[in-house]
């Protein structure tokens, strides 16, 4: 079992090139940007806004490079105004996207939170994705193991997970296979690239 990013062999539509790194990859590893009617640069997190788009890898350093070197104008073939704090805004939007998807999964019965519920799902092999808060107790988190051939997400905070599950804080959560699990993992991978810190070790998606 390896740790790292999303599977390299998966393709969904044509690959796009990152304007900062020059590397091409499927769209789910990138963030799309468009120019608004007023020439303001707009992050298109969902990838659905109309107009010409340009892409940057879902990586904080790559996005900062695109901002610093003014690469968006070249990619969009027009002058654009890059808003202050763009990198942090992209991270906030990705957090909201992951939280919303987890909330939908919870409401459809495909996600649970709390140590005992998560442990039950893991024991019954009902869980496909184990999610644990980055700021949770390391000792407590080691008591649960990533599902065999499953995924692990460990870079959301307890407060962020709490928003998804309608609680103040959440340390342990799990997703069933199918449903929204694939989308949650992909969006969480994009968020991971935008986080200021990485917990290294276990805080990576497994596959």
C-alpha atoms as a PDB file:
ATOM      1  CA  UNK A   1       0.000   0.000   0.000  1.00  0.00           C
ATOM      2  CA  UNK A   2       1.411   3.355  -0.907  1.00  0.00           C
ATOM      3  CA  UNK A   3       0.861   6.845   0.368  1.00  0.00           C
ATOM      4  CA  UNK A   4       0.538   9.890  -1.839  1.00  0.00           C
ATOM      5  CA  UNK A   5      -1.747  11.607  -4.290  1.00  0.00           C
ATOM      6  CA  UNK A   6      -4.601  10.411  -6.406  1.00  0.00           C
ATOM      7  CA  UNK A   7      -4.048   7.478  -8.718  1.00  0.00           C
ATOM      8  CA  UNK A   8      -1.948   8.355 -11.747  1.00  0.00           C
ATOM      9  CA  UNK A   9      -3.645   5.858 -14.024  1.00  0.00           C
ATOM     10  CA  UNK A  10      -7.081   7.408 -13.735  1.00  0.00           C
ATOM     11  CA  UNK A  11      -8.197   9.726 -16.492  1.00  0.00           C
ATOM     12  CA  UNK A  12     -11.342  11.801 -16.646  1.00  0.00           C
ATOM     13  CA  UNK A  13     -11.388  13.777 -19.825  1.00  0.00           C
ATOM     14  CA  UNK A  14      -8.355  15.498 -21.321  1.00  0.00           C
ATOM     15  CA  UNK A  15      -5.391  16.464 -19.180  1.00  0.00           C
ATOM     16  CA  UNK A  16      -4.608  20.136 -18.616  1.00  0.00           C
ATOM     17  CA  UNK A  17      -1.261  21.826 -18.128  1.00  0.00           C
ATOM     18  CA  UNK A  18      -0.437  23.778 -14.990  1.00  0.00           C
ATOM     19  CA  UNK A  19       0.741  27.282 -15.919  1.00  0.00           C
ATOM     20  CA  UNK A  20       3.152  27.299 -12.966  1.00  0.00           C
ATOM     21  CA  UNK A  21       4.820  23.876 -13.188  1.00  0.00           C
ATOM     22  CA  UNK A  22       4.309  23.075 -16.876  1.00  0.00           C
ATOM     23  CA  UNK A  23       3.127  19.587 -15.937  1.00  0.00           C
ATOM     24  CA  UNK A  24      -0.040  18.056 -17.365  1.00  0.00           C
ATOM     25  CA  UNK A  25      -2.483  16.035 -15.295  1.00  0.00           C
ATOM     26  CA  UNK A  26      -6.206  15.203 -15.110  1.00  0.00           C
ATOM     27  CA  UNK A  27      -8.487  18.039 -14.071  1.00  0.00           C
ATOM     28  CA  UNK A  28      -9.171  16.627 -10.597  1.00  0.00           C
ATOM     29  CA  UNK A  29      -5.583  17.483  -9.616  1.00  0.00           C
ATOM     30  CA  UNK A  30      -5.872  21.093 -10.765  1.00  0.00           C
ATOM     31  CA  UNK A  31      -7.705  24.299  -9.935  1.00  0.00           C
ATOM     32  CA  UNK A  32      -9.350  26.230 -12.763  1.00  0.00           C
ATOM     33  CA  UNK A  33      -9.382  30.014 -12.944  1.00  0.00           C
ATOM     34  CA  UNK A  34     -11.399  32.312 -15.181  1.00  0.00           C
ATOM     35  CA  UNK A  35     -11.628  36.051 -15.724  1.00  0.00           C
ATOM     36  CA  UNK A  36     -14.825  37.683 -14.521  1.00  0.00           C
ATOM     37  CA  UNK A  37     -16.710  40.329 -16.549  1.00  0.00           C
ATOM     38  CA  UNK A  38     -14.746  43.036 -14.715  1.00  0.00           C
ATOM     39  CA  UNK A  39     -11.378  41.418 -15.412  1.00  0.00           C
ATOM     40  CA  UNK A  40     -11.093  40.087 -11.858  1.00  0.00           C
ATOM     41  CA  UNK A  41      -9.502  36.640 -11.560  1.00  0.00           C
ATOM     42  CA  UNK A  42     -11.981  34.117 -10.172  1.00  0.00           C
ATOM     43  CA  UNK A  43     -11.153  30.637  -8.819  1.00  0.00           C
ATOM     44  CA  UNK A  44     -13.530  28.127 -10.404  1.00  0.00           C
ATOM     45  CA  UNK A  45     -13.353  25.399  -7.774  1.00  0.00           C
ATOM     46  CA  UNK A  46     -16.226  23.390  -9.298  1.00  0.00           C
ATOM     47  CA  UNK A  47     -14.857  23.813 -12.834  1.00  0.00           C
ATOM     48  CA  UNK A  48     -18.195  24.947 -14.236  1.00  0.00           C
ATOM     49  CA  UNK A  49     -17.898  28.692 -14.836  1.00  0.00           C
ATOM     50  CA  UNK A  50     -18.235  29.830 -18.476  1.00  0.00           C
ATOM     51  CA  UNK A  51     -15.414  31.338 -20.483  1.00  0.00           C
ATOM     52  CA  UNK A  52     -11.788  30.571 -21.155  1.00  0.00           C
ATOM     53  CA  UNK A  53     -10.039  28.934 -18.233  1.00  0.00           C
ATOM     54  CA  UNK A  54      -6.481  28.368 -17.129  1.00  0.00           C
ATOM     55  CA  UNK A  55      -5.206  25.782 -14.699  1.00  0.00           C
ATOM     56  CA  UNK A  56      -2.843  25.622 -11.726  1.00  0.00           C
ATOM     57  CA  UNK A  57      -1.892  22.473  -9.841  1.00  0.00           C
ATOM     58  CA  UNK A  58      -3.667  22.086  -6.511  1.00  0.00           C
ATOM     59  CA  UNK A  59      -0.477  22.997  -4.710  1.00  0.00           C
ATOM     60  CA  UNK A  60       0.120  26.052  -2.531  1.00  0.00           C
ATOM     61  CA  UNK A  61       3.616  26.740  -3.888  1.00  0.00           C
ATOM     62  CA  UNK A  62       2.483  26.394  -7.509  1.00  0.00           C
ATOM     63  CA  UNK A  63      -0.398  28.805  -6.979  1.00  0.00           C
ATOM     64  CA  UNK A  64       1.823  31.318  -5.201  1.00  0.00           C
ATOM     65  CA  UNK A  65       4.276  31.102  -8.096  1.00  0.00           C
ATOM     66  CA  UNK A  66       1.469  31.797 -10.576  1.00  0.00           C
ATOM     67  CA  UNK A  67       0.509  34.883  -8.542  1.00  0.00           C
ATOM     68  CA  UNK A  68       4.058  36.167  -8.047  1.00  0.00           C
ATOM     69  CA  UNK A  69       5.079  35.746 -11.688  1.00  0.00           C
ATOM     70  CA  UNK A  70       1.767  37.056 -13.046  1.00  0.00           C
ATOM     71  CA  UNK A  71       1.148  33.914 -15.081  1.00  0.00           C
ATOM     72  CA  UNK A  72      -2.644  34.181 -15.206  1.00  0.00           C
ATOM     73  CA  UNK A  73      -2.675  36.917 -17.860  1.00  0.00           C
ATOM     74  CA  UNK A  74      -0.655  34.692 -20.161  1.00  0.00           C
ATOM     75  CA  UNK A  75      -2.861  31.672 -19.537  1.00  0.00           C
ATOM     76  CA  UNK A  76      -6.094  33.597 -20.064  1.00  0.00           C
ATOM     77  CA  UNK A  77      -4.671  35.715 -22.874  1.00  0.00           C
ATOM     78  CA  UNK A  78      -5.914  38.921 -21.283  1.00  0.00           C
ATOM     79  CA  UNK A  79      -5.029  41.234 -18.441  1.00  0.00           C
ATOM     80  CA  UNK A  80      -6.582  40.211 -15.142  1.00  0.00           C
ATOM     81  CA  UNK A  81      -6.657  41.651 -11.651  1.00  0.00           C
ATOM     82  CA  UNK A  82      -5.499  39.096  -9.104  1.00  0.00           C
ATOM     83  CA  UNK A  83      -7.291  39.682  -5.781  1.00  0.00           C
ATOM     84  CA  UNK A  84      -5.252  39.971  -2.607  1.00  0.00           C
ATOM     85  CA  UNK A  85      -5.105  36.783  -0.574  1.00  0.00           C
ATOM     86  CA  UNK A  86      -5.992  34.558  -3.529  1.00  0.00           C
ATOM     87  CA  UNK A  87      -4.079  31.546  -2.210  1.00  0.00           C
ATOM     88  CA  UNK A  88      -5.835  31.632   1.158  1.00  0.00           C
ATOM     89  CA  UNK A  89      -9.201  32.180  -0.532  1.00  0.00           C
ATOM     90  CA  UNK A  90      -8.722  29.075  -2.678  1.00  0.00           C
ATOM     91  CA  UNK A  91      -7.950  27.081   0.469  1.00  0.00           C
ATOM     92  CA  UNK A  92     -11.102  28.407   2.167  1.00  0.00           C
ATOM     93  CA  UNK A  93     -13.243  27.477  -0.824  1.00  0.00           C
ATOM     94  CA  UNK A  94     -11.788  23.974  -0.928  1.00  0.00           C
ATOM     95  CA  UNK A  95     -12.460  23.557   2.797  1.00  0.00           C
ATOM     96  CA  UNK A  96     -16.072  24.545   2.242  1.00  0.00           C
ATOM     97  CA  UNK A  97     -16.374  22.127  -0.680  1.00  0.00           C
ATOM     98  CA  UNK A  98     -15.048  19.177   1.326  1.00  0.00           C
ATOM     99  CA  UNK A  99     -17.219  20.080   4.330  1.00  0.00           C
ATOM    100  CA  UNK A 100     -20.330  20.333   2.136  1.00  0.00           C
ATOM    101  CA  UNK A 101     -19.650  16.970   0.484  1.00  0.00           C
ATOM    102  CA  UNK A 102     -19.100  15.297   3.859  1.00  0.00           C
ATOM    103  CA  UNK A 103     -22.328  16.845   5.117  1.00  0.00           C
ATOM    104  CA  UNK A 104     -24.222  15.419   2.132  1.00  0.00           C
ATOM    105  CA  UNK A 105     -22.664  12.009   2.751  1.00  0.00           C
ATOM    106  CA  UNK A 106     -23.719  12.168   6.397  1.00  0.00           C
ATOM    107  CA  UNK A 107     -27.294  13.064   5.500  1.00  0.00           C
ATOM    108  CA  UNK A 108     -27.484  10.159   3.039  1.00  0.00           C
ATOM    109  CA  UNK A 109     -26.189   7.704   5.637  1.00  0.00           C
ATOM    110  CA  UNK A 110     -22.825   7.199   3.928  1.00  0.00           C
ATOM    111  CA  UNK A 111     -20.746   8.858   6.654  1.00  0.00           C
ATOM    112  CA  UNK A 112     -20.519   8.532  10.436  1.00  0.00           C
ATOM    113  CA  UNK A 113     -18.533  10.266  13.156  1.00  0.00           C
ATOM    114  CA  UNK A 114     -17.445   9.357  16.666  1.00  0.00           C
ATOM    115  CA  UNK A 115     -14.915   6.757  17.763  1.00  0.00           C
ATOM    116  CA  UNK A 116     -17.352   3.921  18.514  1.00  0.00           C
ATOM    117  CA  UNK A 117     -19.384   4.308  15.304  1.00  0.00           C
ATOM    118  CA  UNK A 118     -16.259   4.544  13.188  1.00  0.00           C
ATOM    119  CA  UNK A 119     -14.723   1.505  14.908  1.00  0.00           C
ATOM    120  CA  UNK A 120     -17.915  -0.474  14.260  1.00  0.00           C
ATOM    121  CA  UNK A 121     -17.851   0.419  10.565  1.00  0.00           C
ATOM    122  CA  UNK A 122     -14.176  -0.543  10.349  1.00  0.00           C
ATOM    123  CA  UNK A 123     -14.751  -3.855  12.148  1.00  0.00           C
ATOM    124  CA  UNK A 124     -17.637  -4.695   9.811  1.00  0.00           C
ATOM    125  CA  UNK A 125     -15.595  -3.567   6.780  1.00  0.00           C
ATOM    126  CA  UNK A 126     -18.289  -1.029   5.903  1.00  0.00           C
ATOM    127  CA  UNK A 127     -15.831   1.897   5.855  1.00  0.00           C
ATOM    128  CA  UNK A 128     -13.874   2.787   2.732  1.00  0.00           C
ATOM    129  CA  UNK A 129     -12.335   6.039   3.982  1.00  0.00           C
ATOM    130  CA  UNK A 130     -11.042   6.815   7.487  1.00  0.00           C
ATOM    131  CA  UNK A 131     -10.956  10.517   8.352  1.00  0.00           C
ATOM    132  CA  UNK A 132      -9.234  11.862  11.463  1.00  0.00           C
ATOM    133  CA  UNK A 133      -8.703  15.440  12.626  1.00  0.00           C
ATOM    134  CA  UNK A 134      -5.192  16.789  12.131  1.00  0.00           C
ATOM    135  CA  UNK A 135      -5.297  18.351  15.603  1.00  0.00           C
ATOM    136  CA  UNK A 136      -6.710  15.281  17.350  1.00  0.00           C
ATOM    137  CA  UNK A 137      -4.757  13.225  19.864  1.00  0.00           C
ATOM    138  CA  UNK A 138      -2.105  11.190  18.097  1.00  0.00           C
ATOM    139  CA  UNK A 139      -2.457   8.413  20.645  1.00  0.00           C
ATOM    140  CA  UNK A 140      -6.196   8.220  20.127  1.00  0.00           C
ATOM    141  CA  UNK A 141      -5.908   8.196  16.352  1.00  0.00           C
ATOM    142  CA  UNK A 142      -3.509   5.244  16.315  1.00  0.00           C
ATOM    143  CA  UNK A 143      -6.254   3.042  17.769  1.00  0.00           C
ATOM    144  CA  UNK A 144      -8.029   3.021  14.391  1.00  0.00           C
ATOM    145  CA  UNK A 145      -6.511   1.706  11.174  1.00  0.00           C
ATOM    146  CA  UNK A 146      -7.119   2.668   7.569  1.00  0.00           C
ATOM    147  CA  UNK A 147      -9.407   0.161   5.791  1.00  0.00           C
ATOM    148  CA  UNK A 148      -7.595  -2.429   3.679  1.00  0.00           C
ATOM    149  CA  UNK A 149      -7.355  -0.977   0.152  1.00  0.00           C
ATOM    150  CA  UNK A 150      -9.073   2.105   1.556  1.00  0.00           C
ATOM    151  CA  UNK A 151      -8.147   5.751   1.944  1.00  0.00           C
ATOM    152  CA  UNK A 152      -7.036   7.966   4.796  1.00  0.00           C
ATOM    153  CA  UNK A 153      -7.677  11.708   5.162  1.00  0.00           C
ATOM    154  CA  UNK A 154      -5.891  13.415   8.032  1.00  0.00           C
ATOM    155  CA  UNK A 155      -5.511  17.098   7.228  1.00  0.00           C
ATOM    156  CA  UNK A 156      -8.917  18.518   8.176  1.00  0.00           C
ATOM    157  CA  UNK A 157      -9.182  20.090  11.628  1.00  0.00           C
ATOM    158  CA  UNK A 158     -11.594  18.970  14.334  1.00  0.00           C
ATOM    159  CA  UNK A 159     -13.575  22.197  13.840  1.00  0.00           C
ATOM    160  CA  UNK A 160     -13.834  21.634  10.076  1.00  0.00           C
ATOM    161  CA  UNK A 161     -15.023  18.055  10.557  1.00  0.00           C
ATOM    162  CA  UNK A 162     -17.439  19.311  13.183  1.00  0.00           C
ATOM    163  CA  UNK A 163     -19.057  21.625  10.630  1.00  0.00           C
ATOM    164  CA  UNK A 164     -19.612  18.664   8.311  1.00  0.00           C
ATOM    165  CA  UNK A 165     -21.247  16.537  10.992  1.00  0.00           C
ATOM    166  CA  UNK A 166     -23.257  19.226  12.768  1.00  0.00           C
ATOM    167  CA  UNK A 167     -21.154  19.089  15.914  1.00  0.00           C
ATOM    168  CA  UNK A 168     -18.709  21.442  17.582  1.00  0.00           C
ATOM    169  CA  UNK A 169     -15.731  19.186  16.909  1.00  0.00           C
ATOM    170  CA  UNK A 170     -15.143  15.743  15.387  1.00  0.00           C
ATOM    171  CA  UNK A 171     -11.953  13.701  15.658  1.00  0.00           C
ATOM    172  CA  UNK A 172     -12.919  10.430  13.959  1.00  0.00           C
ATOM    173  CA  UNK A 173     -15.141   9.910  10.912  1.00  0.00           C
ATOM    174  CA  UNK A 174     -15.622   7.314   8.196  1.00  0.00           C
ATOM    175  CA  UNK A 175     -17.109   7.096   4.716  1.00  0.00           C
ATOM    176  CA  UNK A 176     -18.744   4.079   3.156  1.00  0.00           C
ATOM    177  CA  UNK A 177     -17.725   2.963  -0.321  1.00  0.00           C
ATOM    178  CA  UNK A 178     -19.690   4.353  -3.229  1.00  0.00           C
ATOM    179  CA  UNK A 179     -21.844   7.415  -2.880  1.00  0.00           C
ATOM    180  CA  UNK A 180     -19.764  10.555  -2.469  1.00  0.00           C
ATOM    181  CA  UNK A 181     -16.618   8.825  -1.215  1.00  0.00           C
ATOM    182  CA  UNK A 182     -14.659   9.262  -4.457  1.00  0.00           C
ATOM    183  CA  UNK A 183     -15.493  12.957  -4.713  1.00  0.00           C
ATOM    184  CA  UNK A 184     -14.641  13.584  -1.054  1.00  0.00           C
ATOM    185  CA  UNK A 185     -11.240  11.947  -1.495  1.00  0.00           C
ATOM    186  CA  UNK A 186     -10.469  13.929  -4.646  1.00  0.00           C
ATOM    187  CA  UNK A 187     -11.497  17.263  -3.158  1.00  0.00           C
ATOM    188  CA  UNK A 188      -9.621  16.474   0.050  1.00  0.00           C
ATOM    189  CA  UNK A 189      -6.519  15.752  -2.031  1.00  0.00           C
ATOM    190  CA  UNK A 190      -6.793  19.179  -3.629  1.00  0.00           C
ATOM    191  CA  UNK A 191      -7.190  20.742  -0.191  1.00  0.00           C
ATOM    192  CA  UNK A 192      -4.158  18.893   1.109  1.00  0.00           C
ATOM    193  CA  UNK A 193      -2.012  20.556  -1.525  1.00  0.00           C
ATOM    194  CA  UNK A 194      -3.239  23.973  -0.387  1.00  0.00           C
ATOM    195  CA  UNK A 195      -2.675  23.503   3.330  1.00  0.00           C
ATOM    196  CA  UNK A 196       0.141  25.536   4.887  1.00  0.00           C
ATOM    197  CA  UNK A 197       1.361  22.498   6.788  1.00  0.00           C
ATOM    198  CA  UNK A 198       1.285  18.779   6.163  1.00  0.00           C
ATOM    199  CA  UNK A 199       1.212  16.343   9.051  1.00  0.00           C
ATOM    200  CA  UNK A 200       3.447  14.030   7.008  1.00  0.00           C
ATOM    201  CA  UNK A 201       3.224  10.385   8.015  1.00  0.00           C
ATOM    202  CA  UNK A 202      -0.358   9.237   8.359  1.00  0.00           C
ATOM    203  CA  UNK A 203      -1.977  12.429   7.116  1.00  0.00           C
ATOM    204  CA  UNK A 204      -2.083  11.323   3.504  1.00  0.00           C
ATOM    205  CA  UNK A 205      -4.566   9.521   1.351  1.00  0.00           C
ATOM    206  CA  UNK A 206      -3.744   5.848   1.042  1.00  0.00           C
ATOM    207  CA  UNK A 207      -4.484   3.733  -1.958  1.00  0.00           C
END
